[in-house]
C-alpha atoms as a PDB file:
ATOM      1  CA  MET A   1     -16.214 -19.111 -23.005  1.00  0.00           C
ATOM      2  CA  LYS A   2     -14.223 -18.493 -26.180  1.00  0.00           C
ATOM      3  CA  LYS A   3     -15.006 -20.908 -29.009  1.00  0.00           C
ATOM      4  CA  HIS A   4     -12.134 -23.051 -30.253  1.00  0.00           C
ATOM      5  CA  SER A   5     -12.124 -25.345 -33.259  1.00  0.00           C
ATOM      6  CA  LEU A   6      -9.844 -28.118 -34.406  1.00  0.00           C
ATOM      7  CA  GLU A   7      -8.653 -28.280 -38.001  1.00  0.00           C
ATOM      8  CA  PHE A   8     -11.179 -30.949 -39.015  1.00  0.00           C
ATOM      9  CA  GLU A   9     -13.995 -28.967 -37.336  1.00  0.00           C
ATOM     10  CA  LYS A  10     -13.526 -25.804 -39.433  1.00  0.00           C
ATOM     11  CA  PRO A  11     -16.202 -26.602 -42.088  1.00  0.00           C
ATOM     12  CA  LEU A  12     -18.699 -26.909 -39.244  1.00  0.00           C
ATOM     13  CA  LEU A  13     -17.521 -23.702 -37.597  1.00  0.00           C
ATOM     14  CA  ASP A  14     -17.974 -21.767 -40.846  1.00  0.00           C
ATOM     15  CA  LEU A  15     -21.583 -22.966 -41.129  1.00  0.00           C
ATOM     16  CA  GLU A  16     -22.294 -22.068 -37.493  1.00  0.00           C
ATOM     17  CA  LYS A  17     -20.956 -18.555 -38.108  1.00  0.00           C
ATOM     18  CA  GLN A  18     -23.241 -18.218 -41.131  1.00  0.00           C
ATOM     19  CA  LEU A  19     -26.189 -19.281 -38.989  1.00  0.00           C
ATOM     20  CA  GLU A  20     -25.332 -16.736 -36.287  1.00  0.00           C
ATOM     21  CA  GLU A  21     -25.100 -13.959 -38.882  1.00  0.00           C
ATOM     22  CA  ILE A  22     -28.453 -14.838 -40.469  1.00  0.00           C
ATOM     23  CA  VAL A  23     -30.182 -15.100 -37.072  1.00  0.00           C
ATOM     24  CA  LYS A  24     -28.720 -11.710 -36.115  1.00  0.00           C
ATOM     25  CA  SER A  25     -29.899 -10.179 -39.416  1.00  0.00           C
ATOM     26  CA  SER A  26     -33.348 -11.630 -38.808  1.00  0.00           C
ATOM     27  CA  HIS A  27     -33.512  -9.981 -35.386  1.00  0.00           C
ATOM     28  CA  ASP A  28     -32.205  -6.657 -36.675  1.00  0.00           C
ATOM     29  CA  SER A  29     -34.690  -6.411 -39.532  1.00  0.00           C
ATOM     30  CA  ASP A  30     -38.284  -7.244 -40.378  1.00  0.00           C
ATOM     31  CA  LEU A  31     -37.268  -9.763 -43.033  1.00  0.00           C
ATOM     32  CA  ASP A  32     -38.153 -13.438 -42.733  1.00  0.00           C
ATOM     33  CA  PHE A  33     -35.081 -15.678 -42.941  1.00  0.00           C
ATOM     34  CA  SER A  34     -36.749 -18.793 -41.529  1.00  0.00           C
ATOM     35  CA  THR A  35     -36.276 -20.792 -44.746  1.00  0.00           C
ATOM     36  CA  GLU A  36     -32.558 -19.945 -44.903  1.00  0.00           C
ATOM     37  CA  ILE A  37     -32.133 -20.681 -41.187  1.00  0.00           C
ATOM     38  CA  LYS A  38     -33.735 -24.120 -41.525  1.00  0.00           C
ATOM     39  CA  ALA A  39     -31.576 -24.904 -44.557  1.00  0.00           C
ATOM     40  CA  ILE A  40     -28.347 -24.018 -42.727  1.00  0.00           C
ATOM     41  CA  GLU A  41     -29.424 -25.916 -39.593  1.00  0.00           C
ATOM     42  CA  LYS A  42     -30.015 -28.984 -41.751  1.00  0.00           C
ATOM     43  CA  LYS A  43     -26.637 -28.512 -43.419  1.00  0.00           C
ATOM     44  CA  ILE A  44     -24.982 -28.193 -39.991  1.00  0.00           C
ATOM     45  CA  GLU A  45     -26.474 -31.509 -38.837  1.00  0.00           C
ATOM     46  CA  GLN A  46     -25.359 -33.242 -42.038  1.00  0.00           C
ATOM     47  CA  THR A  47     -21.853 -31.796 -41.778  1.00  0.00           C
ATOM     48  CA  LYS A  48     -21.662 -32.704 -38.086  1.00  0.00           C
ATOM     49  CA  ARG A  49     -22.488 -36.332 -38.831  1.00  0.00           C
ATOM     50  CA  HIS A  50     -20.006 -36.414 -41.708  1.00  0.00           C
ATOM     51  CA  VAL A  51     -17.139 -34.822 -39.754  1.00  0.00           C
ATOM     52  CA  TYR A  52     -17.523 -36.917 -36.598  1.00  0.00           C
ATOM     53  CA  SER A  53     -18.736 -40.236 -37.992  1.00  0.00           C
ATOM     54  CA  ASP A  54     -15.324 -41.706 -38.762  1.00  0.00           C
ATOM     55  CA  LEU A  55     -12.669 -40.004 -36.657  1.00  0.00           C
ATOM     56  CA  SER A  56      -9.124 -41.363 -36.632  1.00  0.00           C
ATOM     57  CA  PRO A  57      -7.445 -42.215 -33.291  1.00  0.00           C
ATOM     58  CA  TRP A  58      -5.365 -39.031 -33.592  1.00  0.00           C
ATOM     59  CA  GLN A  59      -8.449 -36.893 -34.164  1.00  0.00           C
ATOM     60  CA  LYS A  60     -10.028 -38.441 -31.062  1.00  0.00           C
ATOM     61  CA  VAL A  61      -6.915 -37.534 -29.084  1.00  0.00           C
ATOM     62  CA  GLN A  62      -7.327 -33.954 -30.296  1.00  0.00           C
ATOM     63  CA  LEU A  63     -10.979 -33.984 -29.206  1.00  0.00           C
ATOM     64  CA  SER A  64      -9.979 -35.324 -25.787  1.00  0.00           C
ATOM     65  CA  ARG A  65      -7.836 -32.189 -25.369  1.00  0.00           C
ATOM     66  CA  HIS A  66     -10.388 -29.737 -26.760  1.00  0.00           C
ATOM     67  CA  PRO A  67     -10.187 -26.463 -24.768  1.00  0.00           C
ATOM     68  CA  ASN A  68     -13.990 -26.322 -24.460  1.00  0.00           C
ATOM     69  CA  ARG A  69     -14.315 -29.894 -23.240  1.00  0.00           C
ATOM     70  CA  PRO A  70     -15.845 -30.254 -19.748  1.00  0.00           C
ATOM     71  CA  TYR A  71     -13.347 -30.865 -16.965  1.00  0.00           C
ATOM     72  CA  SER A  72     -13.812 -32.777 -13.727  1.00  0.00           C
ATOM     73  CA  LEU A  73     -15.313 -29.929 -11.695  1.00  0.00           C
ATOM     74  CA  ASP A  74     -17.768 -29.215 -14.531  1.00  0.00           C
ATOM     75  CA  TYR A  75     -19.087 -32.774 -14.257  1.00  0.00           C
ATOM     76  CA  ILE A  76     -19.000 -32.829 -10.454  1.00  0.00           C
ATOM     77  CA  GLY A  77     -21.273 -29.786 -10.340  1.00  0.00           C
ATOM     78  CA  ARG A  78     -23.766 -31.431 -12.720  1.00  0.00           C
ATOM     79  CA  ILE A  79     -23.742 -35.025 -11.485  1.00  0.00           C
ATOM     80  CA  PHE A  80     -23.192 -34.829  -7.724  1.00  0.00           C
ATOM     81  CA  SER A  81     -24.607 -32.674  -4.942  1.00  0.00           C
ATOM     82  CA  ASP A  82     -23.225 -31.312  -1.672  1.00  0.00           C
ATOM     83  CA  PHE A  83     -19.608 -31.708  -2.812  1.00  0.00           C
ATOM     84  CA  GLU A  84     -17.265 -30.782   0.026  1.00  0.00           C
ATOM     85  CA  GLU A  85     -13.652 -30.543  -1.101  1.00  0.00           C
ATOM     86  CA  LEU A  86     -10.951 -31.843   1.243  1.00  0.00           C
ATOM     87  CA  HIS A  87      -7.388 -30.585   0.961  1.00  0.00           C
ATOM     88  CA  GLY A  88      -3.816 -31.644   1.632  1.00  0.00           C
ATOM     89  CA  ASP A  89      -1.761 -34.826   1.909  1.00  0.00           C
ATOM     90  CA  ARG A  90      -0.863 -34.210   5.594  1.00  0.00           C
ATOM     91  CA  SER A  91       2.786 -34.434   4.647  1.00  0.00           C
ATOM     92  CA  PHE A  92       3.872 -31.666   2.243  1.00  0.00           C
ATOM     93  CA  LYS A  93       1.063 -29.497   0.799  1.00  0.00           C
ATOM     94  CA  ASP A  94      -2.154 -29.446  -1.202  1.00  0.00           C
ATOM     95  CA  ASP A  95      -1.991 -30.245  -4.917  1.00  0.00           C
ATOM     96  CA  SER A  96      -4.686 -28.485  -6.948  1.00  0.00           C
ATOM     97  CA  ALA A  97      -4.160 -30.830  -9.920  1.00  0.00           C
ATOM     98  CA  ILE A  98      -6.150 -33.376  -7.906  1.00  0.00           C
ATOM     99  CA  VAL A  99      -9.375 -32.390  -6.185  1.00  0.00           C
ATOM    100  CA  GLY A 100     -11.239 -34.685  -3.863  1.00  0.00           C
ATOM    101  CA  GLY A 101     -13.935 -34.801  -1.268  1.00  0.00           C
ATOM    102  CA  VAL A 102     -17.253 -36.231  -0.180  1.00  0.00           C
ATOM    103  CA  ALA A 103     -20.466 -35.713  -2.131  1.00  0.00           C
ATOM    104  CA  ARG A 104     -23.960 -37.121  -2.573  1.00  0.00           C
ATOM    105  CA  PHE A 105     -24.890 -39.306  -5.523  1.00  0.00           C
ATOM    106  CA  GLU A 106     -28.361 -40.775  -6.007  1.00  0.00           C
ATOM    107  CA  GLY A 107     -29.072 -40.100  -2.322  1.00  0.00           C
ATOM    108  CA  ALA A 108     -25.938 -41.819  -0.988  1.00  0.00           C
ATOM    109  CA  SER A 109     -22.544 -40.519   0.128  1.00  0.00           C
ATOM    110  CA  VAL A 110     -19.523 -41.125  -2.096  1.00  0.00           C
ATOM    111  CA  MET A 111     -15.885 -40.089  -2.193  1.00  0.00           C
ATOM    112  CA  ILE A 112     -14.723 -38.271  -5.327  1.00  0.00           C
ATOM    113  CA  ILE A 113     -11.106 -38.181  -6.529  1.00  0.00           C
ATOM    114  CA  ALA A 114     -10.644 -36.077  -9.671  1.00  0.00           C
ATOM    115  CA  GLN A 115      -7.813 -34.740 -11.798  1.00  0.00           C
ATOM    116  CA  GLN A 116      -8.443 -31.136 -12.784  1.00  0.00           C
ATOM    117  CA  LYS A 117      -7.075 -28.950 -15.602  1.00  0.00           C
ATOM    118  CA  GLY A 118      -7.282 -25.162 -15.889  1.00  0.00           C
ATOM    119  CA  ARG A 119      -9.239 -23.005 -18.350  1.00  0.00           C
ATOM    120  CA  ASN A 120      -6.805 -20.094 -18.583  1.00  0.00           C
ATOM    121  CA  THR A 121      -3.154 -19.338 -17.873  1.00  0.00           C
ATOM    122  CA  GLU A 122      -3.712 -18.442 -14.216  1.00  0.00           C
ATOM    123  CA  ASP A 123      -5.857 -21.486 -13.559  1.00  0.00           C
ATOM    124  CA  ASN A 124      -3.503 -23.786 -15.472  1.00  0.00           C
ATOM    125  CA  LEU A 125      -0.598 -22.623 -13.333  1.00  0.00           C
ATOM    126  CA  LYS A 126      -2.667 -23.313 -10.233  1.00  0.00           C
ATOM    127  CA  ARG A 127      -3.704 -26.750 -11.529  1.00  0.00           C
ATOM    128  CA  ASN A 128      -0.242 -27.472 -12.975  1.00  0.00           C
ATOM    129  CA  PHE A 129      -1.883 -28.141 -16.356  1.00  0.00           C
ATOM    130  CA  GLY A 130      -3.589 -31.201 -14.858  1.00  0.00           C
ATOM    131  CA  CYS A 131      -0.264 -32.908 -14.057  1.00  0.00           C
ATOM    132  CA  PRO A 132      -0.286 -34.083 -10.417  1.00  0.00           C
ATOM    133  CA  ASN A 133       2.716 -33.925  -8.118  1.00  0.00           C
ATOM    134  CA  PRO A 134       3.437 -36.722  -5.604  1.00  0.00           C
ATOM    135  CA  GLU A 135       1.480 -34.875  -2.911  1.00  0.00           C
ATOM    136  CA  GLY A 136      -1.564 -35.067  -5.178  1.00  0.00           C
ATOM    137  CA  TYR A 137      -1.387 -38.857  -5.258  1.00  0.00           C
ATOM    138  CA  ARG A 138      -0.792 -38.971  -1.507  1.00  0.00           C
ATOM    139  CA  LYS A 139      -3.828 -36.748  -0.969  1.00  0.00           C
ATOM    140  CA  ALA A 140      -5.869 -39.066  -3.207  1.00  0.00           C
ATOM    141  CA  LEU A 141      -4.751 -42.085  -1.186  1.00  0.00           C
ATOM    142  CA  ARG A 142      -5.568 -40.343   2.092  1.00  0.00           C
ATOM    143  CA  LEU A 143      -9.103 -39.709   0.864  1.00  0.00           C
ATOM    144  CA  MET A 144      -9.477 -43.247  -0.488  1.00  0.00           C
ATOM    145  CA  ASN A 145      -8.405 -44.672   2.868  1.00  0.00           C
ATOM    146  CA  LEU A 146     -10.976 -42.380   4.504  1.00  0.00           C
ATOM    147  CA  ALA A 147     -13.628 -43.739   2.143  1.00  0.00           C
ATOM    148  CA  ASP A 148     -12.547 -47.292   2.955  1.00  0.00           C
ATOM    149  CA  LYS A 149     -12.852 -46.583   6.679  1.00  0.00           C
ATOM    150  CA  PHE A 150     -16.401 -45.211   6.413  1.00  0.00           C
ATOM    151  CA  GLY A 151     -17.646 -47.510   3.653  1.00  0.00           C
ATOM    152  CA  LEU A 152     -18.033 -44.886   0.922  1.00  0.00           C
ATOM    153  CA  PRO A 153     -17.865 -45.914  -2.763  1.00  0.00           C
ATOM    154  CA  ILE A 154     -15.056 -44.149  -4.628  1.00  0.00           C
ATOM    155  CA  ILE A 155     -15.569 -42.330  -7.925  1.00  0.00           C
ATOM    156  CA  SER A 156     -12.249 -41.500  -9.602  1.00  0.00           C
ATOM    157  CA  ILE A 157     -12.283 -39.061 -12.533  1.00  0.00           C
ATOM    158  CA  VAL A 158      -9.228 -39.262 -14.797  1.00  0.00           C
ATOM    159  CA  ASP A 159      -8.053 -36.393 -17.013  1.00  0.00           C
ATOM    160  CA  THR A 160      -4.300 -35.861 -17.138  1.00  0.00           C
ATOM    161  CA  PRO A 161      -1.479 -35.828 -19.711  1.00  0.00           C
ATOM    162  CA  GLY A 162       0.559 -37.599 -17.017  1.00  0.00           C
ATOM    163  CA  ALA A 163       2.173 -37.062 -13.649  1.00  0.00           C
ATOM    164  CA  PHE A 164       4.359 -33.953 -13.383  1.00  0.00           C
ATOM    165  CA  PRO A 165       7.945 -34.841 -14.445  1.00  0.00           C
ATOM    166  CA  GLY A 166       9.695 -31.862 -12.812  1.00  0.00           C
ATOM    167  CA  ILE A 167      12.721 -31.967 -10.525  1.00  0.00           C
ATOM    168  CA  GLY A 168      10.651 -31.217  -7.426  1.00  0.00           C
ATOM    169  CA  ALA A 169       8.294 -34.096  -8.167  1.00  0.00           C
ATOM    170  CA  GLU A 170      11.228 -36.452  -8.606  1.00  0.00           C
ATOM    171  CA  GLU A 171      12.818 -35.214  -5.375  1.00  0.00           C
ATOM    172  CA  ARG A 172       9.563 -35.958  -3.541  1.00  0.00           C
ATOM    173  CA  HIS A 173       9.371 -39.419  -5.179  1.00  0.00           C
ATOM    174  CA  VAL A 174       6.466 -39.211  -7.607  1.00  0.00           C
ATOM    175  CA  ALA A 175       7.096 -42.744  -8.925  1.00  0.00           C
ATOM    176  CA  GLU A 176       6.959 -44.124  -5.380  1.00  0.00           C
ATOM    177  CA  ALA A 177       3.737 -42.213  -4.655  1.00  0.00           C
ATOM    178  CA  ILE A 178       2.062 -43.705  -7.744  1.00  0.00           C
ATOM    179  CA  ALA A 179       3.381 -47.190  -6.951  1.00  0.00           C
ATOM    180  CA  VAL A 180       2.002 -47.022  -3.402  1.00  0.00           C
ATOM    181  CA  ASN A 181      -1.387 -45.968  -4.783  1.00  0.00           C
ATOM    182  CA  LEU A 182      -1.441 -48.943  -7.147  1.00  0.00           C
ATOM    183  CA  ARG A 183      -0.674 -51.304  -4.278  1.00  0.00           C
ATOM    184  CA  GLU A 184      -3.110 -49.772  -1.821  1.00  0.00           C
ATOM    185  CA  MET A 185      -6.006 -49.372  -4.284  1.00  0.00           C
ATOM    186  CA  ALA A 186      -5.755 -53.081  -5.023  1.00  0.00           C
ATOM    187  CA  SER A 187      -6.791 -53.876  -1.449  1.00  0.00           C
ATOM    188  CA  ILE A 188      -9.448 -51.210  -0.752  1.00  0.00           C
ATOM    189  CA  LYS A 189     -12.671 -52.900   0.344  1.00  0.00           C
ATOM    190  CA  VAL A 190     -15.247 -50.496  -1.136  1.00  0.00           C
ATOM    191  CA  PRO A 191     -16.408 -50.242  -4.774  1.00  0.00           C
ATOM    192  CA  ILE A 192     -14.164 -48.138  -7.007  1.00  0.00           C
ATOM    193  CA  VAL A 193     -15.375 -46.753 -10.340  1.00  0.00           C
ATOM    194  CA  ALA A 194     -12.874 -44.895 -12.528  1.00  0.00           C
ATOM    195  CA  LEU A 195     -13.992 -42.636 -15.370  1.00  0.00           C
ATOM    196  CA  VAL A 196     -11.655 -41.332 -18.096  1.00  0.00           C
ATOM    197  CA  ILE A 197     -13.180 -38.072 -19.367  1.00  0.00           C
ATOM    198  CA  GLY A 198     -10.344 -36.712 -21.506  1.00  0.00           C
ATOM    199  CA  GLU A 199      -6.685 -37.648 -21.375  1.00  0.00           C
ATOM    200  CA  GLY A 200      -5.582 -40.788 -19.578  1.00  0.00           C
ATOM    201  CA  GLY A 201      -1.835 -40.447 -19.619  1.00  0.00           C
ATOM    202  CA  SER A 202       0.331 -43.328 -18.403  1.00  0.00           C
ATOM    203  CA  GLY A 203       1.019 -43.893 -14.684  1.00  0.00           C
ATOM    204  CA  GLY A 204      -0.301 -40.427 -13.970  1.00  0.00           C
ATOM    205  CA  ALA A 205      -3.767 -41.727 -14.823  1.00  0.00           C
ATOM    206  CA  LEU A 206      -3.346 -45.250 -13.460  1.00  0.00           C
ATOM    207  CA  GLY A 207      -2.319 -43.851 -10.064  1.00  0.00           C
ATOM    208  CA  VAL A 208      -5.985 -43.133  -9.322  1.00  0.00           C
ATOM    209  CA  ALA A 209      -7.597 -45.729 -11.607  1.00  0.00           C
ATOM    210  CA  VAL A 210      -7.087 -49.206 -10.141  1.00  0.00           C
ATOM    211  CA  ALA A 211     -10.831 -49.742 -10.103  1.00  0.00           C
ATOM    212  CA  ASN A 212     -13.482 -52.444 -10.213  1.00  0.00           C
ATOM    213  CA  LYS A 213     -15.006 -50.718 -13.231  1.00  0.00           C
ATOM    214  CA  VAL A 214     -13.142 -48.480 -15.679  1.00  0.00           C
ATOM    215  CA  LEU A 215     -15.404 -46.312 -17.836  1.00  0.00           C
ATOM    216  CA  ILE A 216     -14.309 -44.031 -20.665  1.00  0.00           C
ATOM    217  CA  LEU A 217     -15.988 -41.341 -22.726  1.00  0.00           C
ATOM    218  CA  GLU A 218     -16.236 -42.026 -26.436  1.00  0.00           C
ATOM    219  CA  ASN A 219     -13.628 -39.423 -27.448  1.00  0.00           C
ATOM    220  CA  ALA A 220     -11.236 -39.871 -24.529  1.00  0.00           C
ATOM    221  CA  TYR A 221      -8.016 -41.888 -24.627  1.00  0.00           C
ATOM    222  CA  TYR A 222      -6.037 -44.021 -22.176  1.00  0.00           C
ATOM    223  CA  SER A 223      -2.444 -44.943 -22.965  1.00  0.00           C
ATOM    224  CA  VAL A 224       0.963 -45.879 -21.578  1.00  0.00           C
ATOM    225  CA  ILE A 225       2.440 -42.870 -23.400  1.00  0.00           C
ATOM    226  CA  SER A 226       1.194 -39.881 -25.375  1.00  0.00           C
ATOM    227  CA  PRO A 227       1.207 -40.164 -29.193  1.00  0.00           C
ATOM    228  CA  GLU A 228       3.799 -37.363 -29.328  1.00  0.00           C
ATOM    229  CA  GLY A 229       6.073 -39.161 -26.862  1.00  0.00           C
ATOM    230  CA  CYS A 230       5.735 -42.440 -28.737  1.00  0.00           C
ATOM    231  CA  ALA A 231       6.475 -40.734 -32.072  1.00  0.00           C
ATOM    232  CA  ALA A 232       9.557 -39.042 -30.629  1.00  0.00           C
ATOM    233  CA  ILE A 233      10.905 -42.413 -29.450  1.00  0.00           C
ATOM    234  CA  LEU A 234      10.026 -44.633 -32.414  1.00  0.00           C
ATOM    235  CA  TRP A 235      10.265 -42.206 -35.339  1.00  0.00           C
ATOM    236  CA  LYS A 236      12.427 -39.487 -33.738  1.00  0.00           C
ATOM    237  CA  ASP A 237       9.834 -37.012 -34.984  1.00  0.00           C
ATOM    238  CA  ARG A 238       6.593 -35.773 -33.382  1.00  0.00           C
ATOM    239  CA  ALA A 239       5.156 -35.335 -36.889  1.00  0.00           C
ATOM    240  CA  PHE A 240       4.359 -39.074 -36.734  1.00  0.00           C
ATOM    241  CA  SER A 241       1.957 -38.592 -33.807  1.00  0.00           C
ATOM    242  CA  SER A 242      -1.028 -39.758 -35.876  1.00  0.00           C
ATOM    243  CA  ASN A 243       0.814 -42.977 -36.748  1.00  0.00           C
ATOM    244  CA  ALA A 244       1.648 -43.477 -33.086  1.00  0.00           C
ATOM    245  CA  ALA A 245      -1.955 -42.906 -32.009  1.00  0.00           C
ATOM    246  CA  GLU A 246      -3.109 -45.641 -34.376  1.00  0.00           C
ATOM    247  CA  ALA A 247      -0.383 -48.072 -33.308  1.00  0.00           C
ATOM    248  CA  LEU A 248      -1.006 -47.536 -29.591  1.00  0.00           C
ATOM    249  CA  LYS A 249      -4.686 -48.637 -29.802  1.00  0.00           C
ATOM    250  CA  LEU A 250      -5.479 -45.899 -27.296  1.00  0.00           C
ATOM    251  CA  ASP A 251      -8.976 -44.863 -28.339  1.00  0.00           C
ATOM    252  CA  ALA A 252     -12.069 -45.999 -26.450  1.00  0.00           C
ATOM    253  CA  SER A 253     -13.325 -48.611 -28.921  1.00  0.00           C
ATOM    254  CA  GLU A 254      -9.942 -50.369 -29.070  1.00  0.00           C
ATOM    255  CA  LEU A 255      -9.569 -50.251 -25.282  1.00  0.00           C
ATOM    256  CA  LEU A 256     -12.938 -51.960 -24.908  1.00  0.00           C
ATOM    257  CA  LYS A 257     -11.894 -54.742 -27.307  1.00  0.00           C
ATOM    258  CA  LEU A 258      -8.662 -55.244 -25.368  1.00  0.00           C
ATOM    259  CA  GLY A 259     -10.464 -55.431 -22.036  1.00  0.00           C
ATOM    260  CA  ILE A 260      -8.696 -52.373 -20.609  1.00  0.00           C
ATOM    261  CA  VAL A 261     -12.000 -50.566 -20.033  1.00  0.00           C
ATOM    262  CA  ASP A 262     -15.398 -51.981 -19.158  1.00  0.00           C
ATOM    263  CA  GLU A 263     -17.705 -49.498 -20.869  1.00  0.00           C
ATOM    264  CA  VAL A 264     -17.589 -46.731 -23.470  1.00  0.00           C
ATOM    265  CA  ILE A 265     -19.955 -43.867 -22.648  1.00  0.00           C
ATOM    266  CA  PRO A 266     -21.336 -42.215 -25.814  1.00  0.00           C
ATOM    267  CA  GLU A 267     -20.892 -38.491 -26.343  1.00  0.00           C
ATOM    268  CA  PRO A 268     -23.218 -36.124 -28.220  1.00  0.00           C
ATOM    269  CA  ILE A 269     -22.460 -35.801 -31.929  1.00  0.00           C
ATOM    270  CA  GLY A 270     -19.421 -33.538 -32.148  1.00  0.00           C
ATOM    271  CA  GLY A 271     -18.067 -34.408 -28.713  1.00  0.00           C
ATOM    272  CA  ALA A 272     -18.708 -33.621 -25.055  1.00  0.00           C
ATOM    273  CA  HIS A 273     -17.720 -29.978 -25.541  1.00  0.00           C
ATOM    274  CA  ARG A 274     -20.856 -29.423 -27.651  1.00  0.00           C
ATOM    275  CA  ASN A 275     -23.292 -30.460 -24.942  1.00  0.00           C
ATOM    276  CA  TRP A 276     -22.007 -30.614 -21.371  1.00  0.00           C
ATOM    277  CA  ASP A 277     -25.407 -31.373 -19.852  1.00  0.00           C
ATOM    278  CA  LEU A 278     -26.261 -34.291 -22.144  1.00  0.00           C
ATOM    279  CA  THR A 279     -22.820 -35.822 -21.550  1.00  0.00           C
ATOM    280  CA  SER A 280     -23.342 -35.443 -17.807  1.00  0.00           C
ATOM    281  CA  VAL A 281     -26.643 -37.336 -18.032  1.00  0.00           C
ATOM    282  CA  SER A 282     -24.920 -40.239 -19.813  1.00  0.00           C
ATOM    283  CA  ILE A 283     -22.152 -40.322 -17.219  1.00  0.00           C
ATOM    284  CA  ARG A 284     -24.622 -40.236 -14.335  1.00  0.00           C
ATOM    285  CA  GLU A 285     -26.548 -43.197 -15.775  1.00  0.00           C
ATOM    286  CA  SER A 286     -23.367 -45.201 -16.298  1.00  0.00           C
ATOM    287  CA  ILE A 287     -21.991 -44.548 -12.802  1.00  0.00           C
ATOM    288  CA  ALA A 288     -25.349 -45.399 -11.223  1.00  0.00           C
ATOM    289  CA  SER A 289     -25.583 -48.665 -13.167  1.00  0.00           C
ATOM    290  CA  ASN A 290     -22.046 -49.759 -12.308  1.00  0.00           C
ATOM    291  CA  LEU A 291     -22.287 -48.806  -8.629  1.00  0.00           C
ATOM    292  CA  SER A 292     -25.531 -50.761  -8.401  1.00  0.00           C
ATOM    293  CA  GLU A 293     -23.806 -53.808  -9.864  1.00  0.00           C
ATOM    294  CA  LEU A 294     -20.867 -53.519  -7.455  1.00  0.00           C
ATOM    295  CA  SER A 295     -22.965 -52.794  -4.368  1.00  0.00           C
ATOM    296  CA  VAL A 296     -24.081 -56.426  -4.052  1.00  0.00           C
ATOM    297  CA  LEU A 297     -20.486 -57.709  -3.841  1.00  0.00           C
ATOM    298  CA  SER A 298     -18.823 -58.363  -0.495  1.00  0.00           C
ATOM    299  CA  ALA A 299     -15.559 -56.644   0.450  1.00  0.00           C
ATOM    300  CA  THR A 300     -13.629 -59.819  -0.373  1.00  0.00           C
ATOM    301  CA  LYS A 301     -15.340 -60.162  -3.756  1.00  0.00           C
ATOM    302  CA  LEU A 302     -14.599 -56.513  -4.606  1.00  0.00           C
ATOM    303  CA  VAL A 303     -10.899 -56.954  -3.880  1.00  0.00           C
ATOM    304  CA  ASP A 304     -10.705 -60.260  -5.776  1.00  0.00           C
ATOM    305  CA  GLN A 305     -12.610 -58.900  -8.784  1.00  0.00           C
ATOM    306  CA  ARG A 306     -10.329 -55.854  -8.989  1.00  0.00           C
ATOM    307  CA  TYR A 307      -7.196 -57.991  -8.704  1.00  0.00           C
ATOM    308  CA  ASP A 308      -8.348 -60.476 -11.350  1.00  0.00           C
ATOM    309  CA  LYS A 309      -9.353 -57.664 -13.702  1.00  0.00           C
ATOM    310  CA  PHE A 310      -5.866 -56.180 -13.842  1.00  0.00           C
ATOM    311  CA  ARG A 311      -4.039 -59.521 -13.828  1.00  0.00           C
ATOM    312  CA  LYS A 312      -5.855 -60.506 -17.027  1.00  0.00           C
ATOM    313  CA  MET A 313      -4.656 -57.463 -18.982  1.00  0.00           C
ATOM    314  CA  GLY A 314      -2.027 -57.985 -21.664  1.00  0.00           C
ATOM    315  CA  GLU A 315      -0.294 -61.058 -23.010  1.00  0.00           C
ATOM    316  CA  PHE A 316       2.857 -62.588 -21.626  1.00  0.00           C
ATOM    317  CA  THR A 317       4.725 -65.856 -21.493  1.00  0.00           C
ATOM    318  CA  GLU A 318       6.674 -67.501 -18.690  1.00  0.00           C
ATOM    319  CA  ASN A 319       9.877 -69.449 -19.307  1.00  0.00           C
END
């Protein structure tokens, strides 16, 4: 996979290139560069901690979109076994922006619903850049109802800029499809755990995330609107995206304080894209812990807990 770097990551990338060159020179010659290699490795660790220790909300948004960041299928392959993808909404067609199916987790069967982005142009066109159409949400609901029927816990993986806003999606009633999902997920009688791994954009994310437990990776975000969209509305200029990201309180730590999410899953230093396997281990442990907690609740308790959780969000007054 081609290496990409964000603007604030460039000092680290330069050091990593130096290390690669010295290691290559060491292999190509009989000279001992071990001292230099150790010095650069130490410098890399120091720089890594400095660069990533105090990221702004906007920088975290950039990390959540990093091209090398693991996507849903990358995690599914590392965390679950025997994944069998199920296709179609039984009404219009299959939507590849949402994948779903049954799998095994910790020896038990679960239902997975996941939003999936593409790695290259061809794959992005297939996955619609991770922006689901209405048939994607209807497929997700079909699979969730199947899970409800057979008593399978639901794991929902969120990673989308938002639902697709095209004419076709509007003609096929994307807003109605999301609204139906919100209503129906509220009454599903099996445990639902939602995990935000990258972007959690507006109703496009919420349409598969009405869950008993909402988890989020450290450098992911979850918001009613993208920073760029907010900046375009409030400041009439996308150049104010960093200001919007701060005002929206969309990063994981703020979401935890506000009670929007239940747990922040730590990422390796530098972000999930630097160590897919270690991130997967952290996610596995978190899902296992939360499913264990929910497994002792009755169907009625699960529905009530989910309802109360979302009713408590936000502040409002009644006249």
